[in-house]
Amino acid sequence: MAEWEHKERTFISDERYESKEALGQMIVRGSSRGKRWTKRDFTSWLDWQCEGGWEVFKISRDFNGNSGTWCIFRRLV
């Protein structure tokens, strides 16, 4: 049976995202500045998150609020 590794990220705006890491659910805020993600749209951000063998597993977008787009990515280990 396959073993999956997961990561959780929230796209907030053109230059901001958050991640909840597995250990302690620590929230890490990041910026696209200085990263390989240089285009300013959601699909480019998804491409950047999928580097290293990750694939999109689930996307949940908040159309009514301002909490961003929550994504889960997975890859085989």
PDB file of N, CA and C in Angstrom:
ATOM      1  N   MET A   1       0.827  -1.176   0.000  1.00  0.00           N
ATOM      2  CA  MET A   1       0.000   0.000   0.000  1.00  0.00           C
ATOM      3  C   MET A   1       0.878   1.249   0.000  1.00  0.00           C
ATOM      4  N   ALA A   2       0.473   2.258  -0.734  1.00  0.00           N
ATOM      5  CA  ALA A   2       1.265   3.486  -0.873  1.00  0.00           C
ATOM      6  C   ALA A   2       1.229   4.317   0.406  1.00  0.00           C
ATOM      7  N   GLU A   3       2.352   4.941   0.711  1.00  0.00           N
ATOM      8  CA  GLU A   3       2.454   5.873   1.833  1.00  0.00           C
ATOM      9  C   GLU A   3       2.454   7.297   1.274  1.00  0.00           C
ATOM     10  N   TRP A   4       1.585   8.147   1.794  1.00  0.00           N
ATOM     11  CA  TRP A   4       1.478   9.522   1.326  1.00  0.00           C
ATOM     12  C   TRP A   4       1.989  10.481   2.399  1.00  0.00           C
ATOM     13  N   GLU A   5       2.637  11.530   1.933  1.00  0.00           N
ATOM     14  CA  GLU A   5       3.013  12.666   2.776  1.00  0.00           C
ATOM     15  C   GLU A   5       2.124  13.823   2.347  1.00  0.00           C
ATOM     16  N   HIS A   6       1.627  14.600   3.292  1.00  0.00           N
ATOM     17  CA  HIS A   6       0.725  15.706   2.976  1.00  0.00           C
ATOM     18  C   HIS A   6       1.283  17.026   3.497  1.00  0.00           C
ATOM     19  N   LYS A   7       0.915  18.103   2.824  1.00  0.00           N
ATOM     20  CA  LYS A   7       1.207  19.442   3.333  1.00  0.00           C
ATOM     21  C   LYS A   7      -0.019  20.308   3.085  1.00  0.00           C
ATOM     22  N   GLU A   8      -0.196  21.291   3.936  1.00  0.00           N
ATOM     23  CA  GLU A   8      -1.356  22.167   3.890  1.00  0.00           C
ATOM     24  C   GLU A   8      -0.873  23.593   3.679  1.00  0.00           C
ATOM     25  N   ARG A   9      -1.456  24.274   2.717  1.00  0.00           N
ATOM     26  CA  ARG A   9      -1.088  25.666   2.424  1.00  0.00           C
ATOM     27  C   ARG A   9      -2.361  26.474   2.169  1.00  0.00           C
ATOM     28  N   THR A  10      -2.312  27.758   2.517  1.00  0.00           N
ATOM     29  CA  THR A  10      -3.414  28.675   2.243  1.00  0.00           C
ATOM     30  C   THR A  10      -2.897  29.850   1.441  1.00  0.00           C
ATOM     31  N   PHE A  11      -3.411  30.018   0.235  1.00  0.00           N
ATOM     32  CA  PHE A  11      -3.084  31.149  -0.619  1.00  0.00           C
ATOM     33  C   PHE A  11      -3.934  32.319  -0.155  1.00  0.00           C
ATOM     34  N   ILE A  12      -3.285  33.412   0.259  1.00  0.00           N
ATOM     35  CA  ILE A  12      -4.009  34.551   0.812  1.00  0.00           C
ATOM     36  C   ILE A  12      -4.107  35.696  -0.189  1.00  0.00           C
ATOM     37  N   SER A  13      -2.992  36.011  -0.805  1.00  0.00           N
ATOM     38  CA  SER A  13      -2.983  37.098  -1.777  1.00  0.00           C
ATOM     39  C   SER A  13      -1.833  36.859  -2.739  1.00  0.00           C
ATOM     40  N   ASP A  14      -1.584  37.818  -3.603  1.00  0.00           N
ATOM     41  CA  ASP A  14      -0.535  37.680  -4.610  1.00  0.00           C
ATOM     42  C   ASP A  14       0.835  37.398  -4.014  1.00  0.00           C
ATOM     43  N   GLU A  15       1.099  37.888  -2.808  1.00  0.00           N
ATOM     44  CA  GLU A  15       2.434  37.744  -2.241  1.00  0.00           C
ATOM     45  C   GLU A  15       2.448  37.080  -0.877  1.00  0.00           C
ATOM     46  N   ARG A  16       1.318  36.516  -0.435  1.00  0.00           N
ATOM     47  CA  ARG A  16       1.288  35.919   0.901  1.00  0.00           C
ATOM     48  C   ARG A  16       0.635  34.541   0.882  1.00  0.00           C
ATOM     49  N   TYR A  17       1.152  33.682   1.715  1.00  0.00           N
ATOM     50  CA  TYR A  17       0.559  32.370   1.923  1.00  0.00           C
ATOM     51  C   TYR A  17       0.841  31.931   3.349  1.00  0.00           C
ATOM     52  N   GLU A  18       0.110  30.949   3.821  1.00  0.00           N
ATOM     53  CA  GLU A  18       0.332  30.372   5.139  1.00  0.00           C
ATOM     54  C   GLU A  18       0.446  28.868   4.995  1.00  0.00           C
ATOM     55  N   SER A  19       1.154  28.243   5.915  1.00  0.00           N
ATOM     56  CA  SER A  19       1.224  26.787   5.930  1.00  0.00           C
ATOM     57  C   SER A  19       1.068  26.294   7.350  1.00  0.00           C
ATOM     58  N   LYS A  20       0.369  25.192   7.502  1.00  0.00           N
ATOM     59  CA  LYS A  20       0.253  24.521   8.795  1.00  0.00           C
ATOM     60  C   LYS A  20       1.099  23.274   8.704  1.00  0.00           C
ATOM     61  N   GLU A  21       2.148  23.238   9.450  1.00  0.00           N
ATOM     62  CA  GLU A  21       3.034  22.081   9.443  1.00  0.00           C
ATOM     63  C   GLU A  21       2.490  21.044  10.426  1.00  0.00           C
ATOM     64  N   ALA A  22       2.797  19.813  10.165  1.00  0.00           N
ATOM     65  CA  ALA A  22       2.234  18.699  10.932  1.00  0.00           C
ATOM     66  C   ALA A  22       2.571  18.779  12.417  1.00  0.00           C
ATOM     67  N   LEU A  23       3.761  19.206  12.758  1.00  0.00           N
ATOM     68  CA  LEU A  23       4.169  19.229  14.158  1.00  0.00           C
ATOM     69  C   LEU A  23       3.592  20.439  14.868  1.00  0.00           C
ATOM     70  N   GLY A  24       2.620  20.229  15.706  1.00  0.00           N
ATOM     71  CA  GLY A  24       2.071  21.288  16.523  1.00  0.00           C
ATOM     72  C   GLY A  24       1.179  22.261  15.780  1.00  0.00           C
ATOM     73  N   GLN A  25       0.862  22.005  14.535  1.00  0.00           N
ATOM     74  CA  GLN A  25       0.010  22.882  13.742  1.00  0.00           C
ATOM     75  C   GLN A  25       0.502  24.327  13.768  1.00  0.00           C
ATOM     76  N   MET A  26       1.813  24.490  13.697  1.00  0.00           N
ATOM     77  CA  MET A  26       2.408  25.818  13.708  1.00  0.00           C
ATOM     78  C   MET A  26       2.081  26.539  12.402  1.00  0.00           C
ATOM     79  N   ILE A  27       1.653  27.757  12.490  1.00  0.00           N
ATOM     80  CA  ILE A  27       1.350  28.532  11.293  1.00  0.00           C
ATOM     81  C   ILE A  27       2.593  29.311  10.882  1.00  0.00           C
ATOM     82  N   VAL A  28       3.007  29.114   9.650  1.00  0.00           N
ATOM     83  CA  VAL A  28       4.171  29.799   9.103  1.00  0.00           C
ATOM     84  C   VAL A  28       3.675  30.712   7.998  1.00  0.00           C
ATOM     85  N   ARG A  29       3.972  31.972   8.109  1.00  0.00           N
ATOM     86  CA  ARG A  29       3.584  32.906   7.062  1.00  0.00           C
ATOM     87  C   ARG A  29       4.781  33.142   6.166  1.00  0.00           C
ATOM     88  N   GLY A  30       4.535  33.160   4.873  1.00  0.00           N
ATOM     89  CA  GLY A  30       5.624  33.332   3.932  1.00  0.00           C
ATOM     90  C   GLY A  30       5.289  34.356   2.876  1.00  0.00           C
ATOM     91  N   SER A  31       6.264  34.663   2.094  1.00  0.00           N
ATOM     92  CA  SER A  31       6.117  35.620   1.009  1.00  0.00           C
ATOM     93  C   SER A  31       6.753  35.048  -0.238  1.00  0.00           C
ATOM     94  N   SER A  32       6.234  35.454  -1.372  1.00  0.00           N
ATOM     95  CA  SER A  32       6.783  34.976  -2.638  1.00  0.00           C
ATOM     96  C   SER A  32       8.067  35.701  -3.005  1.00  0.00           C
ATOM     97  N   ARG A  33       8.366  36.788  -2.334  1.00  0.00           N
ATOM     98  CA  ARG A  33       9.571  37.550  -2.670  1.00  0.00           C
ATOM     99  C   ARG A  33      10.807  36.701  -2.446  1.00  0.00           C
ATOM    100  N   GLY A  34      11.668  36.643  -3.452  1.00  0.00           N
ATOM    101  CA  GLY A  34      12.884  35.870  -3.344  1.00  0.00           C
ATOM    102  C   GLY A  34      12.694  34.391  -3.611  1.00  0.00           C
ATOM    103  N   LYS A  35      11.481  33.968  -3.880  1.00  0.00           N
ATOM    104  CA  LYS A  35      11.211  32.570  -4.160  1.00  0.00           C
ATOM    105  C   LYS A  35      11.136  32.370  -5.676  1.00  0.00           C
ATOM    106  N   ARG A  36      11.007  31.129  -6.097  1.00  0.00           N
ATOM    107  CA  ARG A  36      10.910  30.834  -7.522  1.00  0.00           C
ATOM    108  C   ARG A  36       9.525  31.136  -8.078  1.00  0.00           C
ATOM    109  N   TRP A  37       8.572  31.409  -7.222  1.00  0.00           N
ATOM    110  CA  TRP A  37       7.232  31.777  -7.664  1.00  0.00           C
ATOM    111  C   TRP A  37       7.214  33.281  -7.881  1.00  0.00           C
ATOM    112  N   THR A  38       7.227  33.695  -9.129  1.00  0.00           N
ATOM    113  CA  THR A  38       7.335  35.122  -9.417  1.00  0.00           C
ATOM    114  C   THR A  38       6.077  35.698 -10.065  1.00  0.00           C
ATOM    115  N   LYS A  39       5.263  34.853 -10.698  1.00  0.00           N
ATOM    116  CA  LYS A  39       4.023  35.365 -11.283  1.00  0.00           C
ATOM    117  C   LYS A  39       3.022  35.608 -10.170  1.00  0.00           C
ATOM    118  N   ARG A  40       2.096  36.477 -10.406  1.00  0.00           N
ATOM    119  CA  ARG A  40       1.167  36.868  -9.358  1.00  0.00           C
ATOM    120  C   ARG A  40      -0.236  36.336  -9.609  1.00  0.00           C
ATOM    121  N   ASP A  41      -0.364  35.046  -9.753  1.00  0.00           N
ATOM    122  CA  ASP A  41      -1.704  34.468  -9.824  1.00  0.00           C
ATOM    123  C   ASP A  41      -1.735  33.109  -9.138  1.00  0.00           C
ATOM    124  N   PHE A  42      -2.920  32.650  -8.867  1.00  0.00           N
ATOM    125  CA  PHE A  42      -3.122  31.436  -8.094  1.00  0.00           C
ATOM    126  C   PHE A  42      -2.564  30.200  -8.797  1.00  0.00           C
ATOM    127  N   THR A  43      -2.740  30.093 -10.102  1.00  0.00           N
ATOM    128  CA  THR A  43      -2.256  28.899 -10.811  1.00  0.00           C
ATOM    129  C   THR A  43      -0.731  28.823 -10.797  1.00  0.00           C
ATOM    130  N   SER A  44      -0.048  29.944 -10.872  1.00  0.00           N
ATOM    131  CA  SER A  44       1.413  29.938 -10.771  1.00  0.00           C
ATOM    132  C   SER A  44       1.852  29.521  -9.373  1.00  0.00           C
ATOM    133  N   TRP A  45       1.115  29.963  -8.359  1.00  0.00           N
ATOM    134  CA  TRP A  45       1.402  29.563  -6.988  1.00  0.00           C
ATOM    135  C   TRP A  45       1.228  28.051  -6.823  1.00  0.00           C
ATOM    136  N   LEU A  46       0.160  27.498  -7.427  1.00  0.00           N
ATOM    137  CA  LEU A  46      -0.048  26.048  -7.378  1.00  0.00           C
ATOM    138  C   LEU A  46       1.113  25.307  -8.027  1.00  0.00           C
ATOM    139  N   ASP A  47       1.566  25.779  -9.191  1.00  0.00           N
ATOM    140  CA  ASP A  47       2.716  25.154  -9.858  1.00  0.00           C
ATOM    141  C   ASP A  47       3.940  25.159  -8.948  1.00  0.00           C
ATOM    142  N   TRP A  48       4.178  26.268  -8.279  1.00  0.00           N
ATOM    143  CA  TRP A  48       5.325  26.390  -7.377  1.00  0.00           C
ATOM    144  C   TRP A  48       5.197  25.410  -6.206  1.00  0.00           C
ATOM    145  N   GLN A  49       4.003  25.269  -5.642  1.00  0.00           N
ATOM    146  CA  GLN A  49       3.777  24.348  -4.531  1.00  0.00           C
ATOM    147  C   GLN A  49       3.931  22.885  -4.948  1.00  0.00           C
ATOM    148  N   CYS A  50       3.711  22.587  -6.235  1.00  0.00           N
ATOM    149  CA  CYS A  50       3.784  21.206  -6.718  1.00  0.00           C
ATOM    150  C   CYS A  50       5.202  20.770  -7.082  1.00  0.00           C
ATOM    151  N   GLU A  51       6.161  21.669  -7.013  1.00  0.00           N
ATOM    152  CA  GLU A  51       7.550  21.278  -7.290  1.00  0.00           C
ATOM    153  C   GLU A  51       7.990  20.223  -6.288  1.00  0.00           C
ATOM    154  N   GLY A  52       8.823  19.320  -6.717  1.00  0.00           N
ATOM    155  CA  GLY A  52       9.342  18.278  -5.836  1.00  0.00           C
ATOM    156  C   GLY A  52       8.435  17.069  -5.723  1.00  0.00           C
ATOM    157  N   GLY A  53       7.555  16.888  -6.692  1.00  0.00           N
ATOM    158  CA  GLY A  53       6.712  15.702  -6.702  1.00  0.00           C
ATOM    159  C   GLY A  53       5.374  15.827  -6.000  1.00  0.00           C
ATOM    160  N   TRP A  54       5.018  17.025  -5.536  1.00  0.00           N
ATOM    161  CA  TRP A  54       3.732  17.229  -4.870  1.00  0.00           C
ATOM    162  C   TRP A  54       2.622  17.340  -5.901  1.00  0.00           C
ATOM    163  N   GLU A  55       1.422  16.889  -5.544  1.00  0.00           N
ATOM    164  CA  GLU A  55       0.242  17.054  -6.385  1.00  0.00           C
ATOM    165  C   GLU A  55      -0.883  17.630  -5.543  1.00  0.00           C
ATOM    166  N   VAL A  56      -1.788  18.361  -6.214  1.00  0.00           N
ATOM    167  CA  VAL A  56      -2.931  18.941  -5.516  1.00  0.00           C
ATOM    168  C   VAL A  56      -3.890  17.808  -5.152  1.00  0.00           C
ATOM    169  N   PHE A  57      -4.273  17.749  -3.890  1.00  0.00           N
ATOM    170  CA  PHE A  57      -5.200  16.725  -3.413  1.00  0.00           C
ATOM    171  C   PHE A  57      -6.587  17.316  -3.179  1.00  0.00           C
ATOM    172  N   LYS A  58      -6.651  18.530  -2.612  1.00  0.00           N
ATOM    173  CA  LYS A  58      -7.934  19.176  -2.339  1.00  0.00           C
ATOM    174  C   LYS A  58      -7.751  20.688  -2.333  1.00  0.00           C
ATOM    175  N   ILE A  59      -8.747  21.386  -2.890  1.00  0.00           N
ATOM    176  CA  ILE A  59      -8.773  22.852  -2.867  1.00  0.00           C
ATOM    177  C   ILE A  59     -10.130  23.280  -2.317  1.00  0.00           C
ATOM    178  N   SER A  60     -10.108  24.236  -1.408  1.00  0.00           N
ATOM    179  CA  SER A  60     -11.331  24.802  -0.864  1.00  0.00           C
ATOM    180  C   SER A  60     -11.198  26.320  -0.881  1.00  0.00           C
ATOM    181  N   ARG A  61     -12.028  26.972  -1.649  1.00  0.00           N
ATOM    182  CA  ARG A  61     -11.950  28.426  -1.802  1.00  0.00           C
ATOM    183  C   ARG A  61     -13.098  29.091  -1.060  1.00  0.00           C
ATOM    184  N   ASP A  62     -12.785  30.142  -0.319  1.00  0.00           N
ATOM    185  CA  ASP A  62     -13.781  30.913   0.418  1.00  0.00           C
ATOM    186  C   ASP A  62     -14.223  32.083  -0.456  1.00  0.00           C
ATOM    187  N   PHE A  63     -15.375  31.945  -1.090  1.00  0.00           N
ATOM    188  CA  PHE A  63     -15.860  32.992  -1.984  1.00  0.00           C
ATOM    189  C   PHE A  63     -16.535  34.132  -1.240  1.00  0.00           C
ATOM    190  N   ASN A  64     -16.999  33.900  -0.028  1.00  0.00           N
ATOM    191  CA  ASN A  64     -17.732  34.917   0.725  1.00  0.00           C
ATOM    192  C   ASN A  64     -16.863  35.695   1.700  1.00  0.00           C
ATOM    193  N   GLY A  65     -15.795  35.111   2.138  1.00  0.00           N
ATOM    194  CA  GLY A  65     -14.960  35.759   3.152  1.00  0.00           C
ATOM    195  C   GLY A  65     -13.648  36.234   2.579  1.00  0.00           C
ATOM    196  N   ASN A  66     -12.708  36.416   3.465  1.00  0.00           N
ATOM    197  CA  ASN A  66     -11.403  36.925   3.071  1.00  0.00           C
ATOM    198  C   ASN A  66     -10.290  36.024   3.610  1.00  0.00           C
ATOM    199  N   SER A  67     -10.592  34.727   3.731  1.00  0.00           N
ATOM    200  CA  SER A  67      -9.623  33.821   4.345  1.00  0.00           C
ATOM    201  C   SER A  67      -8.742  33.097   3.342  1.00  0.00           C
ATOM    202  N   GLY A  68      -8.863  33.386   2.064  1.00  0.00           N
ATOM    203  CA  GLY A  68      -7.978  32.800   1.079  1.00  0.00           C
ATOM    204  C   GLY A  68      -8.465  31.469   0.549  1.00  0.00           C
ATOM    205  N   THR A  69      -7.559  30.756  -0.091  1.00  0.00           N
ATOM    206  CA  THR A  69      -7.853  29.464  -0.692  1.00  0.00           C
ATOM    207  C   THR A  69      -6.987  28.413  -0.017  1.00  0.00           C
ATOM    208  N   TRP A  70      -7.628  27.446   0.607  1.00  0.00           N
ATOM    209  CA  TRP A  70      -6.958  26.409   1.373  1.00  0.00           C
ATOM    210  C   TRP A  70      -6.711  25.210   0.473  1.00  0.00           C
ATOM    211  N   CYS A  71      -5.503  24.671   0.514  1.00  0.00           N
ATOM    212  CA  CYS A  71      -5.130  23.549  -0.342  1.00  0.00           C
ATOM    213  C   CYS A  71      -4.399  22.482   0.460  1.00  0.00           C
ATOM    214  N   ILE A  72      -4.629  21.238   0.075  1.00  0.00           N
ATOM    215  CA  ILE A  72      -3.843  20.123   0.586  1.00  0.00           C
ATOM    216  C   ILE A  72      -3.113  19.507  -0.605  1.00  0.00           C
ATOM    217  N   PHE A  73      -1.827  19.267  -0.413  1.00  0.00           N
ATOM    218  CA  PHE A  73      -0.990  18.640  -1.432  1.00  0.00           C
ATOM    219  C   PHE A  73      -0.499  17.307  -0.887  1.00  0.00           C
ATOM    220  N   ARG A  74      -0.206  16.372  -1.764  1.00  0.00           N
ATOM    221  CA  ARG A  74       0.326  15.090  -1.326  1.00  0.00           C
ATOM    222  C   ARG A  74       1.394  14.598  -2.297  1.00  0.00           C
ATOM    223  N   ARG A  75       2.246  13.700  -1.804  1.00  0.00           N
ATOM    224  CA  ARG A  75       3.226  13.029  -2.640  1.00  0.00           C
ATOM    225  C   ARG A  75       3.557  11.671  -2.026  1.00  0.00           C
ATOM    226  N   LEU A  76       3.944  10.762  -2.874  1.00  0.00           N
ATOM    227  CA  LEU A  76       4.337   9.434  -2.405  1.00  0.00           C
ATOM    228  C   LEU A  76       5.691   9.503  -1.738  1.00  0.00           C
ATOM    229  N   VAL A  77       5.839   8.778  -0.641  1.00  0.00           N
ATOM    230  CA  VAL A  77       7.145   8.716   0.044  1.00  0.00           C
ATOM    231  C   VAL A  77       7.708   7.318  -0.051  1.00  0.00           C
TER     232      VAL A  77
END
